[in-house]
Amino acid sequence: MRTSMIAGIVATGLFTATATAATVPFVEDFATDNANWRGLDEIGPLNWNAAGGPDGGSYASGDWNFLNDGAGEFRAPNKGHDAFDSSGDAFVGNWLSDGITSFSAQVRHNAPVPLTYYVRFATDTPGAAGIAVHPVPVAPNTWTTINIPIGDAFPFVTFEASNFATVFSAITKVQITLEVPGALAGVDQAYAFDVDKVSIVPEPTTLTLLSMLGLTLVRRR
């Protein structure tokens, strides 16, 4: 299914290393810098912006020109990578044992047409990944929340050379991806692709246990 999408996304890569334990709950808000997140083809770090985010504060941004891209190809303008210690590897781990039930991010672009966004979750085993689609195209110049439930009942677009349990027990890559529309294919114009509030959230029971543990540690101190 969508072999051109799979090939395009694999070519641009993301978080790579042996998974241990993710940090949950966690929100990457790019408070002081780009948190070592990368842009397309990993050619350089994302730009950091001190103001203008969804809450008025900081955010990160990647630029891309569609001159050499064809309609239906896929590009990932915002991505972390544990080879670069993105977000301190907060997203790297066994999301199943860590109790993670939701991934979300706020995105914005200034292209002249709505764009369809995907998220690719992968391990460091070549080709092993799950791809999910945000069901509603993201309108231009509007901060939009992408939310992907993490569960085997969620309708992922495809699993590359793997399955849900294999991928989410060893997450090392998270890649925010978009599909090149016909209106932009071959257009010699750079556009900005912004990202903020990249988050992973545990199930309520896990969150309650974490809160109780925190209170216990405080009391002991």
N, C-alpha and C. Protein backbone atom coordinates (compact mmCIF):
# COMPACT_ATOMS: atom_id res chain seq x y z
N MET A 1 0.84 -1.19 0.00
CA MET A 1 0.00 0.00 0.00
C MET A 1 0.87 1.24 0.00
N ARG A 2 0.60 2.13 -0.95
CA ARG A 2 1.33 3.38 -1.00
C ARG A 2 2.84 3.15 -0.96
N THR A 3 3.37 2.37 -1.89
CA THR A 3 4.79 2.07 -1.87
C THR A 3 5.64 3.31 -2.07
N SER A 4 5.16 4.29 -2.86
CA SER A 4 5.93 5.52 -3.04
C SER A 4 6.04 6.28 -1.73
N MET A 5 4.97 6.26 -0.92
CA MET A 5 5.00 6.91 0.37
C MET A 5 6.03 6.25 1.27
N ILE A 6 6.01 4.92 1.31
CA ILE A 6 6.91 4.19 2.19
C ILE A 6 8.36 4.45 1.81
N ALA A 7 8.65 4.38 0.49
CA ALA A 7 10.02 4.61 0.05
C ALA A 7 10.49 6.01 0.37
N GLY A 8 9.61 7.01 0.16
CA GLY A 8 9.99 8.39 0.42
C GLY A 8 10.23 8.66 1.88
N ILE A 9 9.40 8.07 2.73
CA ILE A 9 9.55 8.29 4.17
C ILE A 9 10.78 7.58 4.70
N VAL A 10 11.02 6.33 4.27
CA VAL A 10 12.19 5.59 4.72
C VAL A 10 13.45 6.34 4.37
N ALA A 11 13.47 6.97 3.17
CA ALA A 11 14.66 7.65 2.70
C ALA A 11 15.04 8.82 3.58
N THR A 12 14.09 9.38 4.33
CA THR A 12 14.39 10.56 5.13
C THR A 12 14.59 10.27 6.62
N GLY A 13 14.40 9.01 7.09
CA GLY A 13 14.80 8.56 8.42
C GLY A 13 14.37 9.35 9.65
N LEU A 14 14.71 8.90 10.91
CA LEU A 14 14.45 9.60 12.17
C LEU A 14 15.09 8.91 13.37
N PHE A 15 14.66 9.14 14.64
CA PHE A 15 15.25 8.57 15.84
C PHE A 15 15.89 7.18 15.62
N THR A 16 17.17 6.95 15.95
CA THR A 16 17.80 5.66 15.70
C THR A 16 18.66 5.22 16.89
N ALA A 17 18.28 4.14 17.57
CA ALA A 17 19.11 3.57 18.65
C ALA A 17 18.35 2.47 19.35
N THR A 18 18.99 1.84 20.31
CA THR A 18 18.32 0.79 21.07
C THR A 18 17.33 1.43 22.03
N ALA A 19 16.07 1.00 21.92
CA ALA A 19 15.03 1.60 22.75
C ALA A 19 15.19 1.18 24.21
N THR A 20 14.96 2.08 25.12
CA THR A 20 15.02 1.76 26.54
C THR A 20 13.70 2.14 27.18
N ALA A 21 13.59 3.35 27.68
CA ALA A 21 12.33 3.79 28.27
C ALA A 21 12.08 5.24 27.88
N ALA A 22 10.90 5.48 27.36
CA ALA A 22 10.53 6.85 27.00
C ALA A 22 10.22 7.65 28.26
N THR A 23 10.22 8.96 28.13
CA THR A 23 9.86 9.84 29.24
C THR A 23 8.38 10.16 29.14
N VAL A 24 7.60 9.73 30.11
CA VAL A 24 6.15 9.96 30.04
C VAL A 24 5.63 10.48 31.38
N PRO A 25 4.70 11.43 31.32
CA PRO A 25 4.31 12.17 30.11
C PRO A 25 5.43 13.11 29.69
N PHE A 26 5.43 13.51 28.42
CA PHE A 26 6.48 14.41 27.93
C PHE A 26 5.90 15.33 26.87
N VAL A 27 6.32 16.61 26.93
CA VAL A 27 5.93 17.59 25.91
C VAL A 27 7.18 18.34 25.47
N GLU A 28 7.50 18.26 24.18
CA GLU A 28 8.59 19.04 23.64
C GLU A 28 8.02 20.37 23.16
N ASP A 29 8.35 21.45 23.89
CA ASP A 29 7.82 22.75 23.53
C ASP A 29 8.89 23.69 22.99
N PHE A 30 10.09 23.14 22.74
CA PHE A 30 11.16 23.93 22.14
C PHE A 30 11.35 25.25 22.90
N ALA A 31 11.41 25.14 24.21
CA ALA A 31 11.43 26.33 25.06
C ALA A 31 12.66 27.21 24.85
N THR A 32 13.83 26.60 24.63
CA THR A 32 15.06 27.40 24.53
C THR A 32 15.83 27.21 23.23
N ASP A 33 15.53 26.13 22.50
CA ASP A 33 16.23 25.88 21.24
C ASP A 33 15.45 24.85 20.44
N ASN A 34 16.06 24.31 19.36
CA ASN A 34 15.35 23.37 18.49
C ASN A 34 15.35 21.94 19.02
N ALA A 35 15.91 21.73 20.21
CA ALA A 35 15.92 20.41 20.87
C ALA A 35 16.54 19.33 19.98
N ASN A 36 17.43 19.74 19.09
CA ASN A 36 18.13 18.82 18.19
C ASN A 36 17.20 18.09 17.22
N TRP A 37 16.08 18.72 16.89
CA TRP A 37 15.21 18.17 15.85
C TRP A 37 15.75 18.57 14.49
N ARG A 38 15.48 17.73 13.50
CA ARG A 38 16.03 17.92 12.17
C ARG A 38 14.94 18.20 11.14
N GLY A 39 15.39 18.70 9.98
CA GLY A 39 14.49 18.95 8.88
C GLY A 39 14.59 17.87 7.82
N LEU A 40 14.10 18.14 6.65
CA LEU A 40 14.09 17.17 5.57
C LEU A 40 15.50 16.69 5.22
N ASP A 41 15.59 15.36 4.98
CA ASP A 41 16.86 14.73 4.61
C ASP A 41 17.95 14.90 5.66
N GLU A 42 17.57 15.38 6.85
CA GLU A 42 18.50 15.55 7.96
C GLU A 42 19.69 16.43 7.59
N ILE A 43 19.49 17.35 6.65
CA ILE A 43 20.60 18.18 6.20
C ILE A 43 20.95 19.27 7.20
N GLY A 44 20.11 19.49 8.15
CA GLY A 44 20.42 20.50 9.15
C GLY A 44 19.35 20.57 10.21
N PRO A 45 19.63 21.25 11.31
CA PRO A 45 18.65 21.37 12.40
C PRO A 45 17.49 22.27 12.01
N LEU A 46 16.37 22.11 12.71
CA LEU A 46 15.25 23.01 12.51
C LEU A 46 15.61 24.41 12.99
N ASN A 47 14.93 25.39 12.42
CA ASN A 47 15.06 26.76 12.91
C ASN A 47 14.33 26.88 14.24
N TRP A 48 14.84 27.75 15.10
CA TRP A 48 14.16 27.99 16.38
C TRP A 48 13.59 29.39 16.39
N ASN A 49 12.36 29.51 16.88
CA ASN A 49 11.67 30.80 16.92
C ASN A 49 11.21 31.08 18.35
N ALA A 50 11.53 32.25 18.86
CA ALA A 50 11.23 32.56 20.25
C ALA A 50 9.77 32.88 20.50
N ALA A 51 9.04 33.28 19.46
CA ALA A 51 7.65 33.67 19.63
C ALA A 51 6.86 33.32 18.38
N GLY A 52 5.54 33.21 18.56
CA GLY A 52 4.66 32.91 17.43
C GLY A 52 4.08 31.53 17.44
N GLY A 53 4.38 30.74 18.49
CA GLY A 53 3.85 29.39 18.60
C GLY A 53 2.36 29.40 18.91
N PRO A 54 1.75 28.23 19.06
CA PRO A 54 0.31 28.16 19.30
C PRO A 54 -0.13 28.85 20.58
N ASP A 55 0.78 28.96 21.54
CA ASP A 55 0.46 29.69 22.77
C ASP A 55 1.15 31.03 22.82
N GLY A 56 1.69 31.45 21.67
CA GLY A 56 2.40 32.72 21.61
C GLY A 56 3.88 32.61 21.88
N GLY A 57 4.32 31.44 22.36
CA GLY A 57 5.72 31.24 22.72
C GLY A 57 6.55 30.63 21.61
N SER A 58 7.57 29.89 22.01
CA SER A 58 8.56 29.37 21.08
C SER A 58 8.05 28.15 20.30
N TYR A 59 8.73 27.89 19.17
CA TYR A 59 8.43 26.72 18.35
C TYR A 59 9.60 26.49 17.41
N ALA A 60 9.59 25.36 16.70
CA ALA A 60 10.63 25.04 15.73
C ALA A 60 10.03 24.98 14.33
N SER A 61 10.88 25.13 13.33
CA SER A 61 10.37 25.22 11.96
C SER A 61 11.39 24.70 10.96
N GLY A 62 10.89 24.00 9.93
CA GLY A 62 11.73 23.55 8.84
C GLY A 62 11.22 24.09 7.52
N ASP A 63 12.13 24.36 6.59
CA ASP A 63 11.76 24.89 5.28
C ASP A 63 11.92 23.81 4.21
N TRP A 64 11.09 23.92 3.14
CA TRP A 64 11.23 22.99 2.03
C TRP A 64 10.73 23.60 0.73
N ASN A 65 11.44 23.29 -0.35
CA ASN A 65 11.09 23.72 -1.70
C ASN A 65 10.68 22.48 -2.50
N PHE A 66 9.51 22.51 -3.12
CA PHE A 66 8.96 21.35 -3.82
C PHE A 66 9.38 21.27 -5.29
N LEU A 67 10.39 22.04 -5.68
CA LEU A 67 10.78 22.11 -7.09
C LEU A 67 11.06 20.73 -7.68
N ASN A 68 11.72 19.87 -6.94
CA ASN A 68 12.13 18.57 -7.47
C ASN A 68 11.23 17.43 -7.01
N ASP A 69 10.06 17.75 -6.48
CA ASP A 69 9.15 16.73 -5.95
C ASP A 69 7.96 16.52 -6.88
N GLY A 70 7.49 15.28 -6.91
CA GLY A 70 6.31 14.95 -7.70
C GLY A 70 5.08 14.79 -6.84
N ALA A 71 3.92 14.94 -7.44
CA ALA A 71 2.66 14.77 -6.70
C ALA A 71 2.58 13.37 -6.12
N GLY A 72 2.16 13.28 -4.87
CA GLY A 72 2.02 11.99 -4.21
C GLY A 72 3.27 11.51 -3.50
N GLU A 73 4.38 12.21 -3.65
CA GLU A 73 5.57 11.86 -2.89
C GLU A 73 5.42 12.36 -1.46
N PHE A 74 6.33 11.91 -0.59
CA PHE A 74 6.19 12.23 0.83
C PHE A 74 7.49 12.83 1.36
N ARG A 75 7.34 13.87 2.16
CA ARG A 75 8.47 14.56 2.76
C ARG A 75 8.20 14.77 4.25
N ALA A 76 9.28 14.74 5.02
CA ALA A 76 9.15 14.88 6.48
C ALA A 76 9.89 16.11 6.95
N PRO A 77 9.23 17.26 7.05
CA PRO A 77 9.91 18.49 7.42
C PRO A 77 10.25 18.63 8.90
N ASN A 78 9.65 17.81 9.77
CA ASN A 78 9.91 17.89 11.20
C ASN A 78 10.16 16.50 11.74
N LYS A 79 11.35 16.28 12.26
CA LYS A 79 11.64 14.95 12.78
C LYS A 79 12.72 14.98 13.84
N GLY A 80 12.59 14.06 14.80
CA GLY A 80 13.60 13.87 15.81
C GLY A 80 14.47 12.69 15.42
N HIS A 81 15.59 12.50 16.09
CA HIS A 81 16.50 11.41 15.73
C HIS A 81 17.41 11.17 16.92
N ASP A 82 17.41 9.97 17.47
CA ASP A 82 18.22 9.80 18.66
C ASP A 82 19.71 9.81 18.35
N ALA A 83 20.09 9.71 17.08
CA ALA A 83 21.49 9.90 16.72
C ALA A 83 21.93 11.33 16.98
N PHE A 84 20.95 12.24 17.03
CA PHE A 84 21.23 13.64 17.33
C PHE A 84 20.76 14.01 18.73
N ASP A 85 20.33 13.00 19.51
CA ASP A 85 19.82 13.22 20.86
C ASP A 85 18.63 14.18 20.86
N SER A 86 17.75 14.01 19.88
CA SER A 86 16.57 14.87 19.79
C SER A 86 15.70 14.73 21.03
N SER A 87 15.36 15.86 21.63
CA SER A 87 14.54 15.88 22.86
C SER A 87 15.13 15.01 23.95
N GLY A 88 16.46 14.87 23.95
CA GLY A 88 17.09 14.04 24.96
C GLY A 88 16.64 12.59 24.91
N ASP A 89 16.22 12.14 23.71
CA ASP A 89 15.71 10.77 23.50
C ASP A 89 14.47 10.48 24.32
N ALA A 90 13.70 11.52 24.62
CA ALA A 90 12.50 11.33 25.44
C ALA A 90 11.48 10.43 24.76
N PHE A 91 11.48 10.37 23.42
CA PHE A 91 10.50 9.56 22.70
C PHE A 91 10.98 8.14 22.44
N VAL A 92 12.22 7.83 22.78
CA VAL A 92 12.81 6.53 22.47
C VAL A 92 12.50 5.53 23.57
N GLY A 93 11.86 4.40 23.21
CA GLY A 93 11.58 3.40 24.22
C GLY A 93 10.51 2.42 23.82
N ASN A 94 10.12 1.60 24.77
CA ASN A 94 9.05 0.62 24.59
C ASN A 94 7.73 1.29 24.97
N TRP A 95 7.02 1.78 23.97
CA TRP A 95 5.80 2.53 24.25
C TRP A 95 4.70 1.65 24.83
N LEU A 96 4.79 0.36 24.64
CA LEU A 96 3.77 -0.54 25.19
C LEU A 96 3.96 -0.68 26.70
N SER A 97 5.17 -1.03 27.13
CA SER A 97 5.41 -1.17 28.57
C SER A 97 5.41 0.18 29.28
N ASP A 98 5.70 1.25 28.53
CA ASP A 98 5.66 2.59 29.11
C ASP A 98 4.24 3.12 29.24
N GLY A 99 3.27 2.39 28.69
CA GLY A 99 1.86 2.77 28.84
C GLY A 99 1.43 3.96 28.01
N ILE A 100 2.15 4.25 26.91
CA ILE A 100 1.82 5.41 26.07
C ILE A 100 0.60 5.10 25.20
N THR A 101 -0.40 5.94 25.28
CA THR A 101 -1.64 5.70 24.54
C THR A 101 -1.95 6.80 23.52
N SER A 102 -1.12 7.86 23.48
CA SER A 102 -1.42 8.94 22.54
C SER A 102 -0.16 9.70 22.17
N PHE A 103 -0.03 10.03 20.88
CA PHE A 103 1.01 10.92 20.38
C PHE A 103 0.32 12.12 19.75
N SER A 104 0.82 13.31 20.03
CA SER A 104 0.22 14.49 19.43
C SER A 104 1.29 15.53 19.13
N ALA A 105 0.97 16.44 18.24
CA ALA A 105 1.85 17.56 17.92
C ALA A 105 1.01 18.67 17.32
N GLN A 106 1.46 19.89 17.47
CA GLN A 106 0.80 21.01 16.81
C GLN A 106 1.66 21.42 15.62
N VAL A 107 1.03 21.55 14.46
CA VAL A 107 1.75 21.86 13.23
C VAL A 107 1.11 23.05 12.54
N ARG A 108 1.92 23.71 11.72
CA ARG A 108 1.44 24.83 10.92
C ARG A 108 2.31 24.93 9.67
N HIS A 109 1.72 25.35 8.56
CA HIS A 109 2.50 25.56 7.34
C HIS A 109 1.97 26.80 6.63
N ASN A 110 2.77 27.36 5.74
CA ASN A 110 2.32 28.53 4.99
C ASN A 110 2.20 28.25 3.49
N ALA A 111 2.08 26.97 3.12
CA ALA A 111 1.81 26.63 1.73
C ALA A 111 0.41 27.14 1.36
N PRO A 112 0.14 27.37 0.09
CA PRO A 112 -1.13 27.99 -0.29
C PRO A 112 -2.33 27.05 -0.33
N VAL A 113 -2.12 25.77 -0.08
CA VAL A 113 -3.22 24.79 -0.12
C VAL A 113 -3.18 23.91 1.12
N PRO A 114 -4.31 23.31 1.53
CA PRO A 114 -4.30 22.37 2.65
C PRO A 114 -3.39 21.17 2.34
N LEU A 115 -2.74 20.65 3.38
CA LEU A 115 -1.80 19.53 3.21
C LEU A 115 -2.21 18.36 4.11
N THR A 116 -2.04 17.15 3.59
CA THR A 116 -2.32 15.95 4.37
C THR A 116 -1.06 15.53 5.12
N TYR A 117 -1.20 15.40 6.44
CA TYR A 117 -0.07 15.05 7.30
C TYR A 117 -0.16 13.59 7.74
N TYR A 118 1.01 12.98 7.87
CA TYR A 118 1.15 11.62 8.39
C TYR A 118 2.16 11.65 9.54
N VAL A 119 2.17 10.59 10.36
CA VAL A 119 3.23 10.39 11.33
C VAL A 119 3.77 8.98 11.14
N ARG A 120 5.08 8.89 11.03
CA ARG A 120 5.74 7.58 10.88
C ARG A 120 6.46 7.26 12.19
N PHE A 121 6.11 6.11 12.78
CA PHE A 121 6.73 5.63 14.00
C PHE A 121 7.60 4.43 13.61
N ALA A 122 8.87 4.43 14.00
CA ALA A 122 9.76 3.38 13.52
C ALA A 122 10.74 2.90 14.58
N THR A 123 11.31 1.75 14.33
CA THR A 123 12.38 1.19 15.15
C THR A 123 13.69 1.36 14.40
N ASP A 124 14.80 0.91 15.00
CA ASP A 124 16.06 1.00 14.29
C ASP A 124 16.32 -0.24 13.43
N THR A 125 15.32 -1.13 13.34
CA THR A 125 15.38 -2.22 12.38
C THR A 125 14.97 -1.66 11.02
N PRO A 126 15.82 -1.75 10.02
CA PRO A 126 15.51 -1.12 8.73
C PRO A 126 14.13 -1.51 8.20
N GLY A 127 13.33 -0.51 7.91
CA GLY A 127 12.02 -0.73 7.30
C GLY A 127 10.88 -1.04 8.25
N ALA A 128 11.17 -1.28 9.53
CA ALA A 128 10.11 -1.63 10.48
C ALA A 128 9.48 -0.36 11.03
N ALA A 129 8.23 -0.08 10.61
CA ALA A 129 7.58 1.16 11.02
C ALA A 129 6.08 1.07 10.84
N GLY A 130 5.38 1.94 11.55
CA GLY A 130 3.94 2.09 11.38
C GLY A 130 3.64 3.51 10.95
N ILE A 131 2.71 3.67 10.01
CA ILE A 131 2.38 4.99 9.49
C ILE A 131 0.90 5.29 9.73
N ALA A 132 0.64 6.45 10.33
CA ALA A 132 -0.73 6.88 10.61
C ALA A 132 -0.99 8.20 9.91
N VAL A 133 -2.24 8.44 9.54
CA VAL A 133 -2.59 9.67 8.84
C VAL A 133 -3.51 10.52 9.71
N HIS A 134 -3.28 11.83 9.69
CA HIS A 134 -4.22 12.76 10.30
C HIS A 134 -5.39 12.90 9.33
N PRO A 135 -6.61 12.60 9.74
CA PRO A 135 -7.70 12.43 8.78
C PRO A 135 -8.16 13.69 8.06
N VAL A 136 -7.85 14.86 8.59
CA VAL A 136 -8.33 16.10 7.99
C VAL A 136 -7.13 16.91 7.48
N PRO A 137 -7.12 17.33 6.21
CA PRO A 137 -6.02 18.16 5.71
C PRO A 137 -5.81 19.41 6.57
N VAL A 138 -4.54 19.78 6.76
CA VAL A 138 -4.20 20.92 7.59
C VAL A 138 -4.24 22.20 6.75
N ALA A 139 -5.07 23.14 7.15
CA ALA A 139 -5.23 24.39 6.42
C ALA A 139 -3.99 25.27 6.57
N PRO A 140 -3.73 26.14 5.60
CA PRO A 140 -2.56 27.03 5.69
C PRO A 140 -2.67 28.01 6.86
N ASN A 141 -1.51 28.37 7.41
CA ASN A 141 -1.38 29.45 8.40
C ASN A 141 -2.25 29.28 9.64
N THR A 142 -2.47 28.03 10.01
CA THR A 142 -3.31 27.74 11.17
C THR A 142 -2.67 26.63 12.00
N TRP A 143 -2.41 26.91 13.27
CA TRP A 143 -1.91 25.85 14.14
C TRP A 143 -2.97 24.78 14.28
N THR A 144 -2.59 23.54 14.00
CA THR A 144 -3.53 22.42 14.00
C THR A 144 -2.95 21.28 14.82
N THR A 145 -3.76 20.68 15.68
CA THR A 145 -3.30 19.56 16.50
C THR A 145 -3.48 18.24 15.77
N ILE A 146 -2.39 17.52 15.63
CA ILE A 146 -2.42 16.14 15.12
C ILE A 146 -2.43 15.22 16.33
N ASN A 147 -3.37 14.31 16.38
CA ASN A 147 -3.43 13.36 17.50
C ASN A 147 -3.56 11.94 16.96
N ILE A 148 -2.64 11.08 17.36
CA ILE A 148 -2.64 9.69 16.92
C ILE A 148 -2.78 8.78 18.13
N PRO A 149 -3.92 8.09 18.31
CA PRO A 149 -4.04 7.11 19.39
C PRO A 149 -3.06 5.96 19.16
N ILE A 150 -2.42 5.52 20.22
CA ILE A 150 -1.47 4.41 20.11
C ILE A 150 -2.14 3.15 20.62
N GLY A 151 -2.64 2.35 19.70
CA GLY A 151 -3.33 1.10 20.04
C GLY A 151 -3.52 0.27 18.79
N ASP A 152 -3.53 -1.05 18.93
CA ASP A 152 -3.62 -1.89 17.74
C ASP A 152 -4.99 -1.83 17.07
N ALA A 153 -5.96 -1.18 17.74
CA ALA A 153 -7.27 -1.01 17.12
C ALA A 153 -7.33 0.23 16.23
N PHE A 154 -6.34 1.12 16.38
CA PHE A 154 -6.33 2.33 15.55
C PHE A 154 -5.97 1.96 14.11
N PRO A 155 -6.68 2.52 13.12
CA PRO A 155 -6.43 2.14 11.71
C PRO A 155 -5.18 2.81 11.12
N PHE A 156 -4.01 2.27 11.39
CA PHE A 156 -2.79 2.76 10.76
C PHE A 156 -2.85 2.51 9.26
N VAL A 157 -2.26 3.43 8.48
CA VAL A 157 -2.27 3.28 7.02
C VAL A 157 -1.57 1.99 6.63
N THR A 158 -0.43 1.73 7.23
CA THR A 158 0.31 0.51 6.93
C THR A 158 1.35 0.26 8.00
N PHE A 159 1.81 -0.97 8.09
CA PHE A 159 2.98 -1.32 8.88
C PHE A 159 4.02 -1.87 7.92
N GLU A 160 5.17 -1.22 7.87
CA GLU A 160 6.23 -1.61 6.97
C GLU A 160 7.00 -2.80 7.55
N ALA A 161 6.96 -3.92 6.88
CA ALA A 161 7.77 -5.09 7.24
C ALA A 161 7.67 -5.43 8.72
N SER A 162 6.50 -5.19 9.33
CA SER A 162 6.40 -5.41 10.76
C SER A 162 4.94 -5.42 11.19
N ASN A 163 4.70 -5.20 12.49
CA ASN A 163 3.34 -5.13 13.02
C ASN A 163 3.32 -4.19 14.21
N PHE A 164 2.13 -3.96 14.75
CA PHE A 164 1.97 -2.99 15.82
C PHE A 164 2.87 -3.31 17.02
N ALA A 165 2.83 -4.54 17.51
CA ALA A 165 3.57 -4.88 18.73
C ALA A 165 5.07 -4.73 18.53
N THR A 166 5.57 -5.15 17.38
CA THR A 166 7.01 -5.05 17.12
C THR A 166 7.47 -3.60 17.06
N VAL A 167 6.72 -2.78 16.36
CA VAL A 167 7.10 -1.37 16.21
C VAL A 167 7.04 -0.64 17.54
N PHE A 168 5.92 -0.72 18.23
CA PHE A 168 5.74 0.11 19.42
C PHE A 168 6.41 -0.44 20.68
N SER A 169 7.03 -1.60 20.58
CA SER A 169 7.83 -2.09 21.70
C SER A 169 9.28 -1.61 21.58
N ALA A 170 9.61 -0.91 20.50
CA ALA A 170 11.00 -0.47 20.32
C ALA A 170 11.06 0.80 19.46
N ILE A 171 10.34 1.83 19.86
CA ILE A 171 10.31 3.07 19.08
C ILE A 171 11.66 3.78 19.17
N THR A 172 12.22 4.09 18.01
CA THR A 172 13.44 4.88 17.94
C THR A 172 13.32 6.05 16.97
N LYS A 173 12.20 6.12 16.24
CA LYS A 173 12.04 7.18 15.25
C LYS A 173 10.59 7.69 15.26
N VAL A 174 10.44 9.00 15.21
CA VAL A 174 9.12 9.61 15.07
C VAL A 174 9.26 10.72 14.03
N GLN A 175 8.44 10.68 13.00
CA GLN A 175 8.64 11.53 11.84
C GLN A 175 7.31 12.16 11.39
N ILE A 176 7.23 13.48 11.46
CA ILE A 176 6.03 14.19 11.02
C ILE A 176 6.18 14.47 9.52
N THR A 177 5.25 13.92 8.75
CA THR A 177 5.40 13.81 7.30
C THR A 177 4.20 14.42 6.59
N LEU A 178 4.42 14.90 5.37
CA LEU A 178 3.30 15.40 4.57
C LEU A 178 3.38 14.87 3.15
N GLU A 179 2.22 14.84 2.50
CA GLU A 179 2.12 14.38 1.12
C GLU A 179 2.17 15.58 0.18
N VAL A 180 3.00 15.47 -0.85
CA VAL A 180 3.14 16.57 -1.82
C VAL A 180 1.89 16.62 -2.70
N PRO A 181 1.14 17.71 -2.66
CA PRO A 181 -0.06 17.82 -3.51
C PRO A 181 0.32 18.22 -4.94
N GLY A 182 -0.56 17.93 -5.87
CA GLY A 182 -0.30 18.28 -7.26
C GLY A 182 -0.08 19.76 -7.46
N ALA A 183 -0.77 20.59 -6.64
CA ALA A 183 -0.66 22.04 -6.80
C ALA A 183 0.73 22.57 -6.46
N LEU A 184 1.53 21.81 -5.70
CA LEU A 184 2.86 22.27 -5.31
C LEU A 184 3.98 21.51 -5.98
N ALA A 185 3.70 20.38 -6.60
CA ALA A 185 4.73 19.57 -7.24
C ALA A 185 5.45 20.38 -8.31
N GLY A 186 6.78 20.47 -8.20
CA GLY A 186 7.56 21.19 -9.18
C GLY A 186 7.57 22.69 -9.02
N VAL A 187 6.93 23.21 -7.98
CA VAL A 187 6.87 24.66 -7.76
C VAL A 187 8.14 25.13 -7.07
N ASP A 188 8.81 26.11 -7.65
CA ASP A 188 10.06 26.63 -7.09
C ASP A 188 9.76 27.70 -6.05
N GLN A 189 9.37 27.24 -4.87
CA GLN A 189 9.01 28.14 -3.78
C GLN A 189 9.24 27.43 -2.46
N ALA A 190 9.95 28.06 -1.55
CA ALA A 190 10.18 27.48 -0.23
C ALA A 190 9.03 27.84 0.71
N TYR A 191 8.61 26.85 1.49
CA TYR A 191 7.55 27.07 2.46
C TYR A 191 8.06 26.67 3.85
N ALA A 192 7.43 27.20 4.89
CA ALA A 192 7.81 26.91 6.27
C ALA A 192 6.84 25.89 6.87
N PHE A 193 7.41 24.92 7.60
CA PHE A 193 6.62 23.87 8.26
C PHE A 193 6.97 23.88 9.74
N ASP A 194 6.05 24.39 10.53
CA ASP A 194 6.28 24.64 11.95
C ASP A 194 5.77 23.48 12.80
N VAL A 195 6.39 23.33 13.97
CA VAL A 195 5.98 22.26 14.89
C VAL A 195 6.17 22.73 16.33
N ASP A 196 5.28 22.28 17.20
CA ASP A 196 5.37 22.60 18.62
C ASP A 196 4.56 21.57 19.41
N LYS A 197 4.79 21.54 20.71
CA LYS A 197 4.02 20.70 21.64
C LYS A 197 3.97 19.24 21.19
N VAL A 198 5.13 18.69 20.84
CA VAL A 198 5.18 17.27 20.47
C VAL A 198 5.09 16.46 21.76
N SER A 199 4.07 15.61 21.87
CA SER A 199 3.73 15.03 23.17
C SER A 199 3.47 13.54 23.10
N ILE A 200 3.82 12.85 24.18
CA ILE A 200 3.38 11.48 24.40
C ILE A 200 2.73 11.41 25.78
N VAL A 201 1.63 10.68 25.85
CA VAL A 201 0.82 10.66 27.06
C VAL A 201 0.54 9.21 27.47
N PRO A 202 0.70 8.88 28.75
CA PRO A 202 0.39 7.52 29.20
C PRO A 202 -1.10 7.34 29.46
N GLU A 203 -1.51 6.10 29.60
CA GLU A 203 -2.90 5.83 29.95
C GLU A 203 -3.17 6.41 31.34
N PRO A 204 -4.44 6.73 31.65
CA PRO A 204 -4.75 7.36 32.95
C PRO A 204 -4.23 6.60 34.15
N THR A 205 -4.28 5.26 34.13
CA THR A 205 -3.81 4.48 35.27
C THR A 205 -2.33 4.71 35.50
N THR A 206 -1.55 4.68 34.40
CA THR A 206 -0.11 4.91 34.50
C THR A 206 0.18 6.30 35.01
N LEU A 207 -0.55 7.30 34.52
CA LEU A 207 -0.35 8.67 34.95
C LEU A 207 -0.64 8.82 36.43
N THR A 208 -1.68 8.14 36.91
CA THR A 208 -2.01 8.20 38.34
C THR A 208 -0.90 7.61 39.18
N LEU A 209 -0.36 6.47 38.73
CA LEU A 209 0.74 5.84 39.46
C LEU A 209 1.96 6.74 39.50
N LEU A 210 2.27 7.40 38.37
CA LEU A 210 3.41 8.30 38.33
C LEU A 210 3.21 9.46 39.30
N SER A 211 1.98 9.98 39.36
CA SER A 211 1.68 11.09 40.28
C SER A 211 1.83 10.65 41.72
N MET A 212 1.35 9.44 42.03
CA MET A 212 1.47 8.93 43.40
C MET A 212 2.93 8.74 43.77
N LEU A 213 3.73 8.24 42.83
CA LEU A 213 5.16 8.05 43.10
C LEU A 213 5.82 9.38 43.37
N GLY A 214 5.44 10.41 42.59
CA GLY A 214 6.01 11.73 42.81
C GLY A 214 5.67 12.28 44.18
N LEU A 215 4.44 12.10 44.62
CA LEU A 215 4.03 12.57 45.93
C LEU A 215 4.77 11.82 47.03
N THR A 216 4.98 10.52 46.84
CA THR A 216 5.70 9.71 47.84
C THR A 216 7.12 10.20 47.98
N LEU A 217 7.78 10.49 46.85
CA LEU A 217 9.15 10.98 46.90
C LEU A 217 9.23 12.33 47.58
N VAL A 218 8.27 13.20 47.32
CA VAL A 218 8.24 14.51 47.96
C VAL A 218 8.10 14.36 49.46
N ARG A 219 7.21 13.47 49.90
CA ARG A 219 6.97 13.27 51.33
C ARG A 219 8.22 12.73 52.02
N ARG A 220 8.94 11.80 51.32
CA ARG A 220 10.13 11.24 51.91
C ARG A 220 11.22 12.30 52.09
N ARG A 221 11.27 13.24 51.13
CA ARG A 221 12.25 14.31 51.26
C ARG A 221 11.92 15.25 52.43
